[in-house]
Amino acid sequence: MIERQRLPVLSPAQALRYVSALPHGDAPADLVALAAEELVEPFDGVLAVRTIRPGAPQR
């Protein structure tokens, strides 16, 4: 039931397949992709970039 609440895009049959496979580590790739798309918050790629050289910011 928890997965259906967190992932309402899954049908009951998909949710059952997903949670049944999770303990074995072999969840179907299509459902893993759907779950990741729904559960993982997008991030701003520009703010996530780190420089390889330390230094003061340039103005």
C-alpha atoms as a PDB file:
ATOM      1  CA  MET A   1       0.000   0.000   0.000  1.00  0.00           C
ATOM      2  CA  ILE A   2       2.864   2.378   0.755  1.00  0.00           C
ATOM      3  CA  GLU A   3       4.162   2.211  -2.817  1.00  0.00           C
ATOM      4  CA  ARG A   4       0.694   2.921  -4.232  1.00  0.00           C
ATOM      5  CA  GLN A   5       0.527   6.029  -2.051  1.00  0.00           C
ATOM      6  CA  ARG A   6       3.995   7.232  -3.037  1.00  0.00           C
ATOM      7  CA  LEU A   7       3.660   6.162  -6.676  1.00  0.00           C
ATOM      8  CA  PRO A   8       0.037   6.638  -7.695  1.00  0.00           C
ATOM      9  CA  VAL A   9       1.062   6.323 -11.358  1.00  0.00           C
ATOM     10  CA  LEU A  10       1.549   2.585 -10.839  1.00  0.00           C
ATOM     11  CA  SER A  11      -1.409   0.337 -11.415  1.00  0.00           C
ATOM     12  CA  PRO A  12      -2.121  -2.185  -8.624  1.00  0.00           C
ATOM     13  CA  ALA A  13      -0.565  -4.943 -10.757  1.00  0.00           C
ATOM     14  CA  GLN A  14       2.568  -2.842 -11.423  1.00  0.00           C
ATOM     15  CA  ALA A  15       2.898  -1.952  -7.739  1.00  0.00           C
ATOM     16  CA  LEU A  16       2.690  -5.631  -6.818  1.00  0.00           C
ATOM     17  CA  ARG A  17       5.369  -6.546  -9.384  1.00  0.00           C
ATOM     18  CA  TYR A  18       7.580  -3.730  -8.146  1.00  0.00           C
ATOM     19  CA  VAL A  19       7.403  -4.426  -4.411  1.00  0.00           C
ATOM     20  CA  SER A  20       7.609  -8.188  -4.926  1.00  0.00           C
ATOM     21  CA  ALA A  21      10.855  -7.855  -6.875  1.00  0.00           C
ATOM     22  CA  LEU A  22      12.556  -5.249  -4.664  1.00  0.00           C
ATOM     23  CA  PRO A  23      13.788  -7.639  -1.935  1.00  0.00           C
ATOM     24  CA  HIS A  24      15.471  -9.795  -4.585  1.00  0.00           C
ATOM     25  CA  GLY A  25      17.073  -6.841  -6.367  1.00  0.00           C
ATOM     26  CA  ASP A  26      15.537  -7.689  -9.729  1.00  0.00           C
ATOM     27  CA  ALA A  27      12.785  -5.116 -10.127  1.00  0.00           C
ATOM     28  CA  PRO A  28      11.677  -4.640 -13.757  1.00  0.00           C
ATOM     29  CA  ALA A  29      13.665  -1.874 -15.441  1.00  0.00           C
ATOM     30  CA  ASP A  30      10.553  -0.114 -16.745  1.00  0.00           C
ATOM     31  CA  LEU A  31       9.080   0.153 -13.248  1.00  0.00           C
ATOM     32  CA  VAL A  32      12.396   1.234 -11.723  1.00  0.00           C
ATOM     33  CA  ALA A  33      12.650   4.009 -14.311  1.00  0.00           C
ATOM     34  CA  LEU A  34       9.088   5.114 -13.587  1.00  0.00           C
ATOM     35  CA  ALA A  35       9.678   5.067  -9.826  1.00  0.00           C
ATOM     36  CA  ALA A  36      12.929   7.019 -10.175  1.00  0.00           C
ATOM     37  CA  GLU A  37      11.207   9.613 -12.350  1.00  0.00           C
ATOM     38  CA  GLU A  38       8.447  10.081  -9.793  1.00  0.00           C
ATOM     39  CA  LEU A  39      10.451   9.859  -6.551  1.00  0.00           C
ATOM     40  CA  VAL A  40      13.747  11.601  -7.313  1.00  0.00           C
ATOM     41  CA  GLU A  41      13.586  15.377  -7.205  1.00  0.00           C
ATOM     42  CA  PRO A  42      15.222  17.081 -10.170  1.00  0.00           C
ATOM     43  CA  PHE A  43      18.214  19.255  -9.421  1.00  0.00           C
ATOM     44  CA  ASP A  44      19.606  22.340 -11.052  1.00  0.00           C
ATOM     45  CA  GLY A  45      22.585  21.060 -13.032  1.00  0.00           C
ATOM     46  CA  VAL A  46      24.215  24.474 -13.138  1.00  0.00           C
ATOM     47  CA  LEU A  47      24.315  24.712  -9.361  1.00  0.00           C
ATOM     48  CA  ALA A  48      25.651  21.156  -9.104  1.00  0.00           C
ATOM     49  CA  VAL A  49      28.780  21.854 -11.174  1.00  0.00           C
ATOM     50  CA  ARG A  50      32.028  21.955  -9.242  1.00  0.00           C
ATOM     51  CA  THR A  51      35.288  23.328 -10.502  1.00  0.00           C
ATOM     52  CA  ILE A  52      38.385  21.153 -10.677  1.00  0.00           C
ATOM     53  CA  ARG A  53      40.672  24.058  -9.740  1.00  0.00           C
ATOM     54  CA  PRO A  54      40.330  25.863  -6.438  1.00  0.00           C
ATOM     55  CA  GLY A  55      40.442  29.605  -6.490  1.00  0.00           C
ATOM     56  CA  ALA A  56      38.595  32.815  -5.875  1.00  0.00           C
ATOM     57  CA  PRO A  57      35.541  33.615  -7.986  1.00  0.00           C
ATOM     58  CA  GLN A  58      36.317  35.811 -10.994  1.00  0.00           C
ATOM     59  CA  ARG A  59      34.408  39.054 -11.445  1.00  0.00           C
END
